[in-house]
Amino acid sequence: MTVGQRIKTLREIAGITKSDLGRACGYEYPYAYQIVNRWESGCWDPSVKQLWPICHCLGITLDTLLPEPCVDNDTKEYNSLAQQMTGKPLELLYIEDQVG
């Protein structure tokens, strides 16, 4: 199952519209609907920066959205490097950056 298919399935289970999910990711009308539609149809993949708002809106963890096979070696390497340099995993550094 692709990331877009997982987003669609999880969004439908949560009862959230494409527009609502798009707005939660910072997009306004008419782009909110269009962006999510493109993810779900496989035209585009969400960026790393968009993954956290998607997960937050759907009430899921990143592991639920991106199962292990979707995490590439570069991501694992970046996470390992972040852990070595700061003692924190990459996702925590991202959250801290967003919170301020």
N, C-alpha and C. Protein backbone atom coordinates (compact mmCIF):
# COMPACT_ATOMS: atom_id res chain seq x y z
N MET A 1 0.85 -1.18 0.00
CA MET A 1 0.00 0.00 0.00
C MET A 1 0.90 1.24 0.00
N THR A 2 0.60 2.20 -0.87
CA THR A 2 1.40 3.41 -0.95
C THR A 2 1.05 4.36 0.21
N VAL A 3 1.88 5.36 0.40
CA VAL A 3 1.62 6.36 1.44
C VAL A 3 0.29 7.05 1.15
N GLY A 4 0.04 7.39 -0.11
CA GLY A 4 -1.21 8.04 -0.48
C GLY A 4 -2.42 7.18 -0.17
N GLN A 5 -2.32 5.89 -0.45
CA GLN A 5 -3.43 4.98 -0.14
C GLN A 5 -3.64 4.88 1.36
N ARG A 6 -2.54 4.89 2.12
CA ARG A 6 -2.66 4.83 3.58
C ARG A 6 -3.31 6.11 4.10
N ILE A 7 -2.92 7.26 3.54
CA ILE A 7 -3.54 8.53 3.96
C ILE A 7 -5.04 8.47 3.70
N LYS A 8 -5.42 8.03 2.51
CA LYS A 8 -6.85 7.96 2.16
C LYS A 8 -7.60 7.05 3.13
N THR A 9 -7.08 5.87 3.34
CA THR A 9 -7.75 4.91 4.23
C THR A 9 -7.89 5.46 5.65
N LEU A 10 -6.78 5.98 6.18
CA LEU A 10 -6.80 6.50 7.55
C LEU A 10 -7.66 7.75 7.67
N ARG A 11 -7.68 8.58 6.63
CA ARG A 11 -8.51 9.79 6.64
C ARG A 11 -9.98 9.40 6.65
N GLU A 12 -10.35 8.42 5.82
CA GLU A 12 -11.73 7.97 5.77
C GLU A 12 -12.17 7.34 7.09
N ILE A 13 -11.29 6.56 7.71
CA ILE A 13 -11.59 5.95 9.01
C ILE A 13 -11.82 7.04 10.05
N ALA A 14 -11.01 8.10 9.99
CA ALA A 14 -11.13 9.20 10.96
C ALA A 14 -12.32 10.12 10.65
N GLY A 15 -12.92 9.98 9.47
CA GLY A 15 -14.06 10.82 9.11
C GLY A 15 -13.67 12.26 8.81
N ILE A 16 -12.48 12.44 8.25
CA ILE A 16 -11.96 13.78 7.96
C ILE A 16 -12.00 13.99 6.45
N THR A 17 -12.43 15.18 6.03
CA THR A 17 -12.48 15.47 4.60
C THR A 17 -11.08 15.79 4.08
N LYS A 18 -10.93 15.72 2.76
CA LYS A 18 -9.67 16.09 2.14
C LYS A 18 -9.34 17.55 2.43
N SER A 19 -10.34 18.40 2.38
CA SER A 19 -10.13 19.83 2.65
C SER A 19 -9.67 20.06 4.07
N ASP A 20 -10.28 19.37 5.03
CA ASP A 20 -9.88 19.53 6.43
C ASP A 20 -8.45 19.07 6.66
N LEU A 21 -8.08 17.96 6.05
CA LEU A 21 -6.71 17.48 6.20
C LEU A 21 -5.73 18.46 5.55
N GLY A 22 -6.07 18.95 4.39
CA GLY A 22 -5.22 19.92 3.71
C GLY A 22 -5.05 21.20 4.53
N ARG A 23 -6.13 21.67 5.13
CA ARG A 23 -6.04 22.87 5.98
C ARG A 23 -5.18 22.60 7.21
N ALA A 24 -5.27 21.39 7.76
CA ALA A 24 -4.44 21.04 8.92
C ALA A 24 -2.96 21.06 8.56
N CYS A 25 -2.67 20.88 7.28
CA CYS A 25 -1.28 20.90 6.80
C CYS A 25 -0.85 22.29 6.35
N GLY A 26 -1.73 23.28 6.55
CA GLY A 26 -1.37 24.66 6.25
C GLY A 26 -1.79 25.18 4.90
N TYR A 27 -2.61 24.44 4.18
CA TYR A 27 -3.07 24.89 2.86
C TYR A 27 -4.45 25.51 2.98
N GLU A 28 -4.72 26.49 2.13
CA GLU A 28 -6.01 27.16 2.10
C GLU A 28 -6.77 26.74 0.84
N TYR A 29 -8.05 27.09 0.79
CA TYR A 29 -8.88 26.84 -0.37
C TYR A 29 -8.29 27.55 -1.57
N PRO A 30 -8.26 26.95 -2.74
CA PRO A 30 -8.73 25.62 -3.12
C PRO A 30 -7.64 24.56 -3.03
N TYR A 31 -6.46 24.97 -2.56
CA TYR A 31 -5.32 24.05 -2.57
C TYR A 31 -5.42 22.94 -1.55
N ALA A 32 -6.12 23.18 -0.45
CA ALA A 32 -6.22 22.17 0.61
C ALA A 32 -6.74 20.85 0.06
N TYR A 33 -7.84 20.89 -0.64
CA TYR A 33 -8.43 19.69 -1.23
C TYR A 33 -7.51 19.10 -2.30
N GLN A 34 -6.98 19.95 -3.17
CA GLN A 34 -6.19 19.49 -4.31
C GLN A 34 -4.91 18.77 -3.87
N ILE A 35 -4.24 19.29 -2.86
CA ILE A 35 -3.00 18.68 -2.37
C ILE A 35 -3.28 17.27 -1.87
N VAL A 36 -4.28 17.14 -1.02
CA VAL A 36 -4.59 15.82 -0.45
C VAL A 36 -5.04 14.87 -1.56
N ASN A 37 -5.80 15.37 -2.51
CA ASN A 37 -6.24 14.54 -3.63
C ASN A 37 -5.04 14.01 -4.41
N ARG A 38 -4.03 14.83 -4.59
CA ARG A 38 -2.83 14.41 -5.32
C ARG A 38 -2.03 13.39 -4.54
N TRP A 39 -1.98 13.54 -3.21
CA TRP A 39 -1.30 12.52 -2.40
C TRP A 39 -2.00 11.19 -2.55
N GLU A 40 -3.33 11.24 -2.36
CA GLU A 40 -4.10 10.00 -2.35
C GLU A 40 -4.15 9.31 -3.71
N SER A 41 -4.06 10.08 -4.77
CA SER A 41 -4.08 9.48 -6.11
C SER A 41 -2.71 9.02 -6.56
N GLY A 42 -1.67 9.34 -5.77
CA GLY A 42 -0.33 8.90 -6.09
C GLY A 42 0.44 9.84 -7.00
N CYS A 43 -0.15 11.00 -7.32
CA CYS A 43 0.55 11.98 -8.18
C CYS A 43 1.74 12.57 -7.44
N TRP A 44 1.58 12.85 -6.17
CA TRP A 44 2.63 13.42 -5.33
C TRP A 44 2.69 12.65 -4.02
N ASP A 45 3.84 12.70 -3.38
CA ASP A 45 3.98 12.22 -2.01
C ASP A 45 4.10 13.43 -1.10
N PRO A 46 3.57 13.34 0.10
CA PRO A 46 3.75 14.47 1.03
C PRO A 46 5.22 14.62 1.38
N SER A 47 5.63 15.86 1.62
CA SER A 47 7.00 16.11 2.04
C SER A 47 7.18 15.69 3.50
N VAL A 48 8.40 15.58 3.92
CA VAL A 48 8.69 15.22 5.31
C VAL A 48 8.04 16.24 6.25
N LYS A 49 8.08 17.49 5.86
CA LYS A 49 7.50 18.56 6.69
C LYS A 49 5.99 18.40 6.85
N GLN A 50 5.33 17.79 5.89
CA GLN A 50 3.89 17.61 5.93
C GLN A 50 3.46 16.37 6.71
N LEU A 51 4.39 15.46 6.96
CA LEU A 51 4.02 14.20 7.61
C LEU A 51 3.50 14.40 9.03
N TRP A 52 4.14 15.29 9.79
CA TRP A 52 3.71 15.49 11.18
C TRP A 52 2.31 16.07 11.27
N PRO A 53 1.97 17.13 10.49
CA PRO A 53 0.59 17.61 10.54
C PRO A 53 -0.43 16.56 10.10
N ILE A 54 -0.07 15.75 9.11
CA ILE A 54 -0.97 14.68 8.67
C ILE A 54 -1.24 13.72 9.83
N CYS A 55 -0.16 13.27 10.46
CA CYS A 55 -0.30 12.34 11.59
C CYS A 55 -1.10 12.95 12.73
N HIS A 56 -0.83 14.20 13.04
CA HIS A 56 -1.53 14.88 14.13
C HIS A 56 -3.03 14.97 13.82
N CYS A 57 -3.35 15.38 12.61
CA CYS A 57 -4.75 15.52 12.22
C CYS A 57 -5.48 14.18 12.24
N LEU A 58 -4.81 13.12 11.81
CA LEU A 58 -5.43 11.80 11.77
C LEU A 58 -5.37 11.07 13.11
N GLY A 59 -4.63 11.63 14.05
CA GLY A 59 -4.52 11.01 15.37
C GLY A 59 -3.72 9.72 15.35
N ILE A 60 -2.67 9.71 14.52
CA ILE A 60 -1.85 8.51 14.38
C ILE A 60 -0.38 8.87 14.59
N THR A 61 0.44 7.84 14.70
CA THR A 61 1.89 8.07 14.79
C THR A 61 2.50 7.96 13.40
N LEU A 62 3.71 8.44 13.28
CA LEU A 62 4.42 8.35 12.01
C LEU A 62 4.63 6.89 11.62
N ASP A 63 4.84 6.03 12.60
CA ASP A 63 5.01 4.60 12.32
C ASP A 63 3.76 3.99 11.68
N THR A 64 2.60 4.51 12.04
CA THR A 64 1.36 4.01 11.44
C THR A 64 1.26 4.45 9.99
N LEU A 65 1.66 5.69 9.72
CA LEU A 65 1.59 6.22 8.36
C LEU A 65 2.68 5.64 7.47
N LEU A 66 3.88 5.53 8.01
CA LEU A 66 5.02 5.04 7.24
C LEU A 66 5.55 3.76 7.85
N PRO A 67 5.05 2.63 7.42
CA PRO A 67 5.59 1.38 7.96
C PRO A 67 7.06 1.24 7.58
N GLU A 68 7.76 0.42 8.26
CA GLU A 68 9.22 0.25 8.11
C GLU A 68 9.71 0.19 6.66
N PRO A 69 9.07 -0.55 5.77
CA PRO A 69 9.60 -0.59 4.40
C PRO A 69 9.61 0.77 3.69
N CYS A 70 8.81 1.72 4.18
CA CYS A 70 8.77 3.04 3.56
C CYS A 70 9.91 3.94 4.02
N VAL A 71 10.57 3.56 5.09
CA VAL A 71 11.66 4.38 5.62
C VAL A 71 12.93 3.94 4.92
N ASP A 72 13.52 4.83 4.15
CA ASP A 72 14.70 4.47 3.37
C ASP A 72 15.98 4.58 4.21
N ASN A 73 17.07 4.14 3.64
CA ASN A 73 18.34 4.15 4.35
C ASN A 73 18.81 5.55 4.68
N ASP A 74 18.53 6.54 3.81
CA ASP A 74 18.91 7.92 4.12
C ASP A 74 18.21 8.41 5.39
N THR A 75 16.92 8.10 5.51
CA THR A 75 16.17 8.51 6.69
C THR A 75 16.77 7.86 7.94
N LYS A 76 17.09 6.59 7.85
CA LYS A 76 17.69 5.90 9.00
C LYS A 76 19.04 6.53 9.35
N GLU A 77 19.80 6.89 8.33
CA GLU A 77 21.11 7.50 8.56
C GLU A 77 20.96 8.88 9.21
N TYR A 78 20.01 9.69 8.72
CA TYR A 78 19.77 11.01 9.32
C TYR A 78 19.32 10.88 10.77
N ASN A 79 18.45 9.90 11.02
CA ASN A 79 17.98 9.71 12.38
C ASN A 79 19.12 9.28 13.30
N SER A 80 19.98 8.39 12.81
CA SER A 80 21.12 7.94 13.59
C SER A 80 22.08 9.09 13.87
N LEU A 81 22.33 9.91 12.87
CA LEU A 81 23.21 11.07 13.03
C LEU A 81 22.63 12.07 14.03
N ALA A 82 21.34 12.33 13.92
CA ALA A 82 20.69 13.24 14.87
C ALA A 82 20.80 12.70 16.29
N GLN A 83 20.59 11.41 16.44
CA GLN A 83 20.68 10.78 17.76
C GLN A 83 22.09 10.91 18.32
N GLN A 84 23.11 10.70 17.49
CA GLN A 84 24.50 10.80 17.94
C GLN A 84 24.86 12.24 18.32
N MET A 85 24.38 13.20 17.53
CA MET A 85 24.77 14.60 17.75
C MET A 85 24.03 15.26 18.90
N THR A 86 22.75 14.90 19.07
CA THR A 86 21.93 15.61 20.06
C THR A 86 21.39 14.71 21.17
N GLY A 87 21.47 13.41 20.95
CA GLY A 87 20.87 12.49 21.90
C GLY A 87 19.37 12.36 21.74
N LYS A 88 18.83 12.95 20.65
CA LYS A 88 17.39 12.92 20.40
C LYS A 88 17.13 12.40 19.00
N PRO A 89 16.02 11.66 18.83
CA PRO A 89 15.69 11.21 17.48
C PRO A 89 15.25 12.39 16.61
N LEU A 90 15.37 12.21 15.32
CA LEU A 90 15.08 13.26 14.35
C LEU A 90 13.67 13.80 14.50
N GLU A 91 12.68 12.93 14.71
CA GLU A 91 11.30 13.40 14.81
C GLU A 91 11.09 14.31 16.02
N LEU A 92 11.79 14.04 17.11
CA LEU A 92 11.68 14.92 18.28
C LEU A 92 12.31 16.27 18.00
N LEU A 93 13.42 16.29 17.28
CA LEU A 93 14.04 17.57 16.91
C LEU A 93 13.11 18.38 16.04
N TYR A 94 12.40 17.71 15.11
CA TYR A 94 11.45 18.41 14.25
C TYR A 94 10.32 19.01 15.07
N ILE A 95 9.77 18.24 16.00
CA ILE A 95 8.68 18.74 16.84
C ILE A 95 9.15 19.92 17.66
N GLU A 96 10.33 19.82 18.25
CA GLU A 96 10.86 20.93 19.04
C GLU A 96 11.05 22.16 18.18
N ASP A 97 11.49 21.99 16.94
CA ASP A 97 11.67 23.10 16.02
C ASP A 97 10.34 23.77 15.71
N GLN A 98 9.29 22.97 15.55
CA GLN A 98 7.97 23.53 15.23
C GLN A 98 7.36 24.25 16.42
N VAL A 99 7.60 23.74 17.62
CA VAL A 99 7.02 24.34 18.83
C VAL A 99 7.76 25.63 19.18
N GLY A 100 9.02 25.66 18.88
CA GLY A 100 9.75 26.90 19.14
C GLY A 100 10.86 26.63 20.04
